[in-house]
Amino acid sequence: MPIIAALAAAAALAEPTAADLSWFSGYWLTCEDGQEVSETWSDPRGGLLAGHGMTLAGGRASFEMFRIAPHEGGVAYFAQPGGQPPVIFPATEVTATRAVFVNPENDFPQRITYTLDGDRLTARIDGQMNGQPQDMEWRYRKAELNARCPT
Protein backbone atom coordinates (compact mmCIF):
# COMPACT_ATOMS: atom_id res chain seq x y z
CA MET A 1 0.00 0.00 0.00
CA PRO A 2 2.79 2.57 0.63
CA ILE A 3 3.77 2.43 -3.06
CA ILE A 4 0.18 3.11 -4.16
CA ALA A 5 -0.06 6.03 -1.72
CA ALA A 6 3.24 7.44 -2.98
CA LEU A 7 2.11 7.18 -6.61
CA ALA A 8 -1.20 8.87 -5.79
CA ALA A 9 0.63 11.69 -3.99
CA ALA A 10 3.02 12.14 -6.92
CA ALA A 11 0.11 12.31 -9.37
CA ALA A 12 -1.60 14.94 -7.22
CA LEU A 13 1.57 17.05 -7.33
CA ALA A 14 2.03 16.75 -11.09
CA GLU A 15 2.44 20.06 -12.85
CA PRO A 16 -0.58 21.09 -14.94
CA THR A 17 -0.58 20.77 -18.71
CA ALA A 18 -2.62 22.42 -21.44
CA ALA A 19 -4.75 19.25 -21.56
CA ASP A 20 -5.87 20.00 -17.98
CA LEU A 21 -7.44 23.18 -19.36
CA SER A 22 -9.43 21.60 -22.18
CA TRP A 23 -12.54 23.21 -20.63
CA PHE A 24 -11.34 26.55 -22.11
CA SER A 25 -12.02 25.19 -25.62
CA GLY A 26 -14.78 26.81 -27.62
CA TYR A 27 -16.34 30.14 -28.46
CA TRP A 28 -17.39 32.35 -25.54
CA LEU A 29 -19.51 35.50 -25.88
CA THR A 30 -20.77 38.25 -23.60
CA CYS A 31 -23.08 41.13 -24.47
CA GLU A 32 -22.97 43.61 -21.58
CA ASP A 33 -22.67 47.36 -21.11
CA GLY A 34 -22.99 48.06 -24.84
CA GLN A 35 -20.02 45.85 -25.65
CA GLU A 36 -19.65 42.61 -27.58
CA VAL A 37 -16.73 40.62 -26.22
CA SER A 38 -15.70 37.16 -27.38
CA GLU A 39 -12.93 34.69 -26.70
CA THR A 40 -12.20 31.74 -28.94
CA TRP A 41 -9.99 28.91 -27.67
CA SER A 42 -8.69 25.86 -29.54
CA ASP A 43 -8.72 22.42 -28.03
CA PRO A 44 -5.34 21.44 -26.54
CA ARG A 45 -2.96 20.17 -29.22
CA GLY A 46 0.70 19.41 -28.81
CA GLY A 47 0.70 20.92 -25.33
CA LEU A 48 -0.81 24.20 -26.50
CA LEU A 49 -4.17 26.01 -26.31
CA ALA A 50 -4.34 28.96 -28.70
CA GLY A 51 -6.89 31.72 -28.56
CA HIS A 52 -7.92 35.20 -29.48
CA GLY A 53 -10.31 37.74 -28.08
CA MET A 54 -12.21 40.56 -29.70
CA THR A 55 -14.05 43.52 -28.21
CA LEU A 56 -16.50 45.69 -30.14
CA ALA A 57 -17.57 48.85 -28.34
CA GLY A 58 -18.59 52.28 -29.51
CA GLY A 59 -17.94 51.44 -33.15
CA ARG A 60 -14.34 50.40 -32.41
CA ALA A 61 -12.71 46.99 -32.38
CA SER A 62 -9.78 45.76 -30.32
CA PHE A 63 -8.17 42.34 -30.18
CA GLU A 64 -5.87 40.19 -28.11
CA MET A 65 -4.00 37.02 -28.93
CA PHE A 66 -3.31 34.54 -26.14
CA ARG A 67 -2.09 31.04 -25.59
CA ILE A 68 -1.58 28.59 -22.76
CA ALA A 69 1.65 26.71 -23.25
CA PRO A 70 4.35 24.85 -21.33
CA HIS A 71 6.51 27.10 -19.18
CA GLU A 72 9.12 26.23 -16.56
CA GLY A 73 7.71 22.79 -15.75
CA GLY A 74 4.06 23.87 -15.72
CA VAL A 75 1.92 26.03 -17.98
CA ALA A 76 1.53 29.76 -18.41
CA TYR A 77 -0.88 32.20 -20.04
CA PHE A 78 0.86 34.28 -22.72
CA ALA A 79 -1.11 37.50 -23.32
CA GLN A 80 -0.56 39.70 -26.39
CA PRO A 81 -3.02 42.62 -26.29
CA GLY A 82 -3.21 44.40 -29.62
CA GLY A 83 -0.49 42.13 -31.01
CA GLN A 84 2.19 43.41 -28.60
CA PRO A 85 5.01 41.15 -27.39
CA PRO A 86 3.74 38.44 -25.02
CA VAL A 87 3.48 38.94 -21.27
CA ILE A 88 3.82 35.66 -19.37
CA PHE A 89 1.55 34.73 -16.45
CA PRO A 90 2.58 31.37 -14.91
CA ALA A 91 -0.26 29.18 -13.60
CA THR A 92 -0.56 29.12 -9.82
CA GLU A 93 -3.78 27.09 -9.67
CA VAL A 94 -5.37 24.71 -12.17
CA THR A 95 -8.46 22.63 -11.39
CA ALA A 96 -11.29 21.15 -13.46
CA THR A 97 -13.19 24.48 -13.25
CA ARG A 98 -10.70 27.20 -12.26
CA ALA A 99 -7.34 28.49 -13.48
CA VAL A 100 -5.29 31.31 -11.98
CA PHE A 101 -2.27 32.89 -13.69
CA VAL A 102 -0.05 35.43 -11.90
CA ASN A 103 2.68 37.89 -12.89
CA PRO A 104 3.37 40.33 -10.02
CA GLU A 105 5.85 42.26 -12.22
CA ASN A 106 3.27 43.22 -14.87
CA ASP A 107 1.87 46.76 -14.77
CA PHE A 108 -1.76 45.59 -14.98
CA PRO A 109 -3.18 43.09 -14.50
CA GLN A 110 -1.09 41.02 -12.12
CA ARG A 111 -3.60 38.16 -11.97
CA ILE A 112 -5.86 36.48 -14.55
CA THR A 113 -8.55 34.09 -13.31
CA TYR A 114 -10.92 31.90 -15.33
CA THR A 115 -13.81 30.02 -13.71
CA LEU A 116 -16.15 27.58 -15.45
CA ASP A 117 -19.73 27.02 -14.28
CA GLY A 118 -21.71 24.90 -16.76
CA ASP A 119 -21.95 26.86 -20.02
CA ARG A 120 -20.61 30.03 -18.38
CA LEU A 121 -16.99 31.11 -18.31
CA THR A 122 -15.98 34.04 -16.11
CA ALA A 123 -12.72 35.82 -16.88
CA ARG A 124 -11.37 38.25 -14.32
CA ILE A 125 -8.26 40.39 -14.28
CA ASP A 126 -7.09 42.21 -11.20
CA GLY A 127 -4.17 43.88 -9.52
CA GLN A 128 -2.83 47.30 -8.65
CA MET A 129 -2.81 50.27 -11.02
CA ASN A 130 -1.27 53.53 -9.81
CA GLY A 131 -1.29 52.11 -6.29
CA GLN A 132 -5.03 51.40 -6.37
CA PRO A 133 -6.74 48.00 -6.57
CA GLN A 134 -8.45 47.49 -9.93
CA ASP A 135 -10.40 44.65 -11.50
CA MET A 136 -12.41 43.83 -14.59
CA GLU A 137 -14.69 40.87 -15.19
CA TRP A 138 -16.36 39.29 -18.22
CA ARG A 139 -19.15 36.73 -17.87
CA TYR A 140 -19.24 34.69 -21.06
CA ARG A 141 -21.69 32.07 -22.28
CA LYS A 142 -20.68 29.27 -24.61
CA ALA A 143 -22.01 30.12 -28.08
CA GLU A 144 -21.91 28.93 -31.67
CA LEU A 145 -18.70 29.96 -33.44
CA ASN A 146 -18.88 33.60 -34.57
CA ALA A 147 -22.27 34.23 -32.91
CA ARG A 148 -22.99 37.92 -32.41
CA CYS A 149 -24.82 39.93 -29.81
CA PRO A 150 -28.39 40.96 -30.66
CA THR A 151 -28.62 44.45 -32.12
C-alpha atoms as a PDB file:
ATOM      1  CA  MET A   1       0.000   0.000   0.000  1.00  0.00           C
ATOM      2  CA  PRO A   2       2.794   2.569   0.632  1.00  0.00           C
ATOM      3  CA  ILE A   3       3.765   2.425  -3.059  1.00  0.00           C
ATOM      4  CA  ILE A   4       0.183   3.114  -4.160  1.00  0.00           C
ATOM      5  CA  ALA A   5      -0.064   6.029  -1.725  1.00  0.00           C
ATOM      6  CA  ALA A   6       3.244   7.437  -2.984  1.00  0.00           C
ATOM      7  CA  LEU A   7       2.109   7.177  -6.606  1.00  0.00           C
ATOM      8  CA  ALA A   8      -1.198   8.865  -5.788  1.00  0.00           C
ATOM      9  CA  ALA A   9       0.627  11.687  -3.992  1.00  0.00           C
ATOM     10  CA  ALA A  10       3.017  12.143  -6.923  1.00  0.00           C
ATOM     11  CA  ALA A  11       0.105  12.307  -9.374  1.00  0.00           C
ATOM     12  CA  ALA A  12      -1.603  14.936  -7.222  1.00  0.00           C
ATOM     13  CA  LEU A  13       1.566  17.053  -7.326  1.00  0.00           C
ATOM     14  CA  ALA A  14       2.034  16.746 -11.095  1.00  0.00           C
ATOM     15  CA  GLU A  15       2.437  20.059 -12.851  1.00  0.00           C
ATOM     16  CA  PRO A  16      -0.579  21.093 -14.944  1.00  0.00           C
ATOM     17  CA  THR A  17      -0.580  20.769 -18.712  1.00  0.00           C
ATOM     18  CA  ALA A  18      -2.624  22.419 -21.442  1.00  0.00           C
ATOM     19  CA  ALA A  19      -4.746  19.249 -21.560  1.00  0.00           C
ATOM     20  CA  ASP A  20      -5.874  19.996 -17.985  1.00  0.00           C
ATOM     21  CA  LEU A  21      -7.442  23.178 -19.361  1.00  0.00           C
ATOM     22  CA  SER A  22      -9.433  21.598 -22.184  1.00  0.00           C
ATOM     23  CA  TRP A  23     -12.539  23.210 -20.633  1.00  0.00           C
ATOM     24  CA  PHE A  24     -11.338  26.550 -22.111  1.00  0.00           C
ATOM     25  CA  SER A  25     -12.016  25.188 -25.624  1.00  0.00           C
ATOM     26  CA  GLY A  26     -14.781  26.810 -27.619  1.00  0.00           C
ATOM     27  CA  TYR A  27     -16.336  30.144 -28.462  1.00  0.00           C
ATOM     28  CA  TRP A  28     -17.386  32.351 -25.544  1.00  0.00           C
ATOM     29  CA  LEU A  29     -19.505  35.504 -25.885  1.00  0.00           C
ATOM     30  CA  THR A  30     -20.770  38.247 -23.604  1.00  0.00           C
ATOM     31  CA  CYS A  31     -23.080  41.135 -24.473  1.00  0.00           C
ATOM     32  CA  GLU A  32     -22.974  43.610 -21.579  1.00  0.00           C
ATOM     33  CA  ASP A  33     -22.673  47.358 -21.112  1.00  0.00           C
ATOM     34  CA  GLY A  34     -22.990  48.058 -24.842  1.00  0.00           C
ATOM     35  CA  GLN A  35     -20.019  45.846 -25.646  1.00  0.00           C
ATOM     36  CA  GLU A  36     -19.654  42.613 -27.576  1.00  0.00           C
ATOM     37  CA  VAL A  37     -16.727  40.621 -26.219  1.00  0.00           C
ATOM     38  CA  SER A  38     -15.703  37.162 -27.382  1.00  0.00           C
ATOM     39  CA  GLU A  39     -12.932  34.691 -26.696  1.00  0.00           C
ATOM     40  CA  THR A  40     -12.200  31.737 -28.938  1.00  0.00           C
ATOM     41  CA  TRP A  41      -9.988  28.909 -27.668  1.00  0.00           C
ATOM     42  CA  SER A  42      -8.694  25.861 -29.540  1.00  0.00           C
ATOM     43  CA  ASP A  43      -8.717  22.425 -28.031  1.00  0.00           C
ATOM     44  CA  PRO A  44      -5.344  21.436 -26.539  1.00  0.00           C
ATOM     45  CA  ARG A  45      -2.965  20.175 -29.222  1.00  0.00           C
ATOM     46  CA  GLY A  46       0.701  19.406 -28.813  1.00  0.00           C
ATOM     47  CA  GLY A  47       0.705  20.919 -25.328  1.00  0.00           C
ATOM     48  CA  LEU A  48      -0.809  24.204 -26.500  1.00  0.00           C
ATOM     49  CA  LEU A  49      -4.169  26.006 -26.313  1.00  0.00           C
ATOM     50  CA  ALA A  50      -4.340  28.958 -28.700  1.00  0.00           C
ATOM     51  CA  GLY A  51      -6.894  31.724 -28.560  1.00  0.00           C
ATOM     52  CA  HIS A  52      -7.922  35.199 -29.478  1.00  0.00           C
ATOM     53  CA  GLY A  53     -10.308  37.738 -28.076  1.00  0.00           C
ATOM     54  CA  MET A  54     -12.214  40.558 -29.703  1.00  0.00           C
ATOM     55  CA  THR A  55     -14.047  43.518 -28.211  1.00  0.00           C
ATOM     56  CA  LEU A  56     -16.496  45.688 -30.141  1.00  0.00           C
ATOM     57  CA  ALA A  57     -17.567  48.851 -28.338  1.00  0.00           C
ATOM     58  CA  GLY A  58     -18.590  52.280 -29.514  1.00  0.00           C
ATOM     59  CA  GLY A  59     -17.945  51.436 -33.148  1.00  0.00           C
ATOM     60  CA  ARG A  60     -14.344  50.397 -32.414  1.00  0.00           C
ATOM     61  CA  ALA A  61     -12.714  46.985 -32.380  1.00  0.00           C
ATOM     62  CA  SER A  62      -9.778  45.761 -30.319  1.00  0.00           C
ATOM     63  CA  PHE A  63      -8.171  42.339 -30.180  1.00  0.00           C
ATOM     64  CA  GLU A  64      -5.866  40.190 -28.108  1.00  0.00           C
ATOM     65  CA  MET A  65      -4.001  37.016 -28.931  1.00  0.00           C
ATOM     66  CA  PHE A  66      -3.309  34.544 -26.145  1.00  0.00           C
ATOM     67  CA  ARG A  67      -2.088  31.039 -25.586  1.00  0.00           C
ATOM     68  CA  ILE A  68      -1.583  28.593 -22.765  1.00  0.00           C
ATOM     69  CA  ALA A  69       1.648  26.710 -23.253  1.00  0.00           C
ATOM     70  CA  PRO A  70       4.345  24.849 -21.329  1.00  0.00           C
ATOM     71  CA  HIS A  71       6.507  27.100 -19.176  1.00  0.00           C
ATOM     72  CA  GLU A  72       9.123  26.227 -16.556  1.00  0.00           C
ATOM     73  CA  GLY A  73       7.714  22.788 -15.747  1.00  0.00           C
ATOM     74  CA  GLY A  74       4.062  23.873 -15.717  1.00  0.00           C
ATOM     75  CA  VAL A  75       1.924  26.029 -17.983  1.00  0.00           C
ATOM     76  CA  ALA A  76       1.529  29.756 -18.410  1.00  0.00           C
ATOM     77  CA  TYR A  77      -0.876  32.198 -20.039  1.00  0.00           C
ATOM     78  CA  PHE A  78       0.864  34.277 -22.720  1.00  0.00           C
ATOM     79  CA  ALA A  79      -1.109  37.504 -23.324  1.00  0.00           C
ATOM     80  CA  GLN A  80      -0.558  39.700 -26.388  1.00  0.00           C
ATOM     81  CA  PRO A  81      -3.017  42.619 -26.287  1.00  0.00           C
ATOM     82  CA  GLY A  82      -3.206  44.403 -29.619  1.00  0.00           C
ATOM     83  CA  GLY A  83      -0.487  42.133 -31.007  1.00  0.00           C
ATOM     84  CA  GLN A  84       2.187  43.414 -28.605  1.00  0.00           C
ATOM     85  CA  PRO A  85       5.010  41.146 -27.395  1.00  0.00           C
ATOM     86  CA  PRO A  86       3.737  38.445 -25.021  1.00  0.00           C
ATOM     87  CA  VAL A  87       3.477  38.936 -21.270  1.00  0.00           C
ATOM     88  CA  ILE A  88       3.824  35.658 -19.372  1.00  0.00           C
ATOM     89  CA  PHE A  89       1.550  34.730 -16.449  1.00  0.00           C
ATOM     90  CA  PRO A  90       2.576  31.369 -14.911  1.00  0.00           C
ATOM     91  CA  ALA A  91      -0.261  29.182 -13.602  1.00  0.00           C
ATOM     92  CA  THR A  92      -0.556  29.124  -9.815  1.00  0.00           C
ATOM     93  CA  GLU A  93      -3.782  27.094  -9.674  1.00  0.00           C
ATOM     94  CA  VAL A  94      -5.372  24.707 -12.168  1.00  0.00           C
ATOM     95  CA  THR A  95      -8.464  22.626 -11.389  1.00  0.00           C
ATOM     96  CA  ALA A  96     -11.291  21.153 -13.456  1.00  0.00           C
ATOM     97  CA  THR A  97     -13.191  24.484 -13.245  1.00  0.00           C
ATOM     98  CA  ARG A  98     -10.699  27.196 -12.257  1.00  0.00           C
ATOM     99  CA  ALA A  99      -7.343  28.491 -13.479  1.00  0.00           C
ATOM    100  CA  VAL A 100      -5.285  31.314 -11.985  1.00  0.00           C
ATOM    101  CA  PHE A 101      -2.271  32.893 -13.693  1.00  0.00           C
ATOM    102  CA  VAL A 102      -0.053  35.434 -11.898  1.00  0.00           C
ATOM    103  CA  ASN A 103       2.676  37.890 -12.893  1.00  0.00           C
ATOM    104  CA  PRO A 104       3.365  40.330 -10.022  1.00  0.00           C
ATOM    105  CA  GLU A 105       5.846  42.255 -12.219  1.00  0.00           C
ATOM    106  CA  ASN A 106       3.273  43.218 -14.874  1.00  0.00           C
ATOM    107  CA  ASP A 107       1.874  46.764 -14.765  1.00  0.00           C
ATOM    108  CA  PHE A 108      -1.760  45.595 -14.977  1.00  0.00           C
ATOM    109  CA  PRO A 109      -3.181  43.090 -14.498  1.00  0.00           C
ATOM    110  CA  GLN A 110      -1.095  41.022 -12.120  1.00  0.00           C
ATOM    111  CA  ARG A 111      -3.603  38.158 -11.970  1.00  0.00           C
ATOM    112  CA  ILE A 112      -5.859  36.484 -14.553  1.00  0.00           C
ATOM    113  CA  THR A 113      -8.552  34.088 -13.314  1.00  0.00           C
ATOM    114  CA  TYR A 114     -10.919  31.899 -15.331  1.00  0.00           C
ATOM    115  CA  THR A 115     -13.807  30.024 -13.710  1.00  0.00           C
ATOM    116  CA  LEU A 116     -16.151  27.580 -15.451  1.00  0.00           C
ATOM    117  CA  ASP A 117     -19.732  27.017 -14.280  1.00  0.00           C
ATOM    118  CA  GLY A 118     -21.706  24.895 -16.756  1.00  0.00           C
ATOM    119  CA  ASP A 119     -21.950  26.857 -20.016  1.00  0.00           C
ATOM    120  CA  ARG A 120     -20.611  30.027 -18.375  1.00  0.00           C
ATOM    121  CA  LEU A 121     -16.985  31.112 -18.306  1.00  0.00           C
ATOM    122  CA  THR A 122     -15.980  34.037 -16.106  1.00  0.00           C
ATOM    123  CA  ALA A 123     -12.724  35.817 -16.878  1.00  0.00           C
ATOM    124  CA  ARG A 124     -11.369  38.250 -14.315  1.00  0.00           C
ATOM    125  CA  ILE A 125      -8.260  40.392 -14.283  1.00  0.00           C
ATOM    126  CA  ASP A 126      -7.093  42.215 -11.203  1.00  0.00           C
ATOM    127  CA  GLY A 127      -4.170  43.877  -9.515  1.00  0.00           C
ATOM    128  CA  GLN A 128      -2.825  47.297  -8.652  1.00  0.00           C
ATOM    129  CA  MET A 129      -2.807  50.267 -11.020  1.00  0.00           C
ATOM    130  CA  ASN A 130      -1.270  53.530  -9.813  1.00  0.00           C
ATOM    131  CA  GLY A 131      -1.292  52.108  -6.289  1.00  0.00           C
ATOM    132  CA  GLN A 132      -5.031  51.405  -6.367  1.00  0.00           C
ATOM    133  CA  PRO A 133      -6.740  47.997  -6.567  1.00  0.00           C
ATOM    134  CA  GLN A 134      -8.448  47.491  -9.929  1.00  0.00           C
ATOM    135  CA  ASP A 135     -10.398  44.651 -11.500  1.00  0.00           C
ATOM    136  CA  MET A 136     -12.410  43.834 -14.593  1.00  0.00           C
ATOM    137  CA  GLU A 137     -14.688  40.867 -15.191  1.00  0.00           C
ATOM    138  CA  TRP A 138     -16.364  39.294 -18.215  1.00  0.00           C
ATOM    139  CA  ARG A 139     -19.152  36.728 -17.873  1.00  0.00           C
ATOM    140  CA  TYR A 140     -19.236  34.687 -21.064  1.00  0.00           C
ATOM    141  CA  ARG A 141     -21.689  32.074 -22.284  1.00  0.00           C
ATOM    142  CA  LYS A 142     -20.683  29.273 -24.612  1.00  0.00           C
ATOM    143  CA  ALA A 143     -22.005  30.116 -28.081  1.00  0.00           C
ATOM    144  CA  GLU A 144     -21.906  28.932 -31.672  1.00  0.00           C
ATOM    145  CA  LEU A 145     -18.698  29.960 -33.437  1.00  0.00           C
ATOM    146  CA  ASN A 146     -18.884  33.595 -34.575  1.00  0.00           C
ATOM    147  CA  ALA A 147     -22.269  34.227 -32.913  1.00  0.00           C
ATOM    148  CA  ARG A 148     -22.987  37.923 -32.413  1.00  0.00           C
ATOM    149  CA  CYS A 149     -24.818  39.934 -29.811  1.00  0.00           C
ATOM    150  CA  PRO A 150     -28.391  40.959 -30.657  1.00  0.00           C
ATOM    151  CA  THR A 151     -28.617  44.446 -32.125  1.00  0.00           C
END
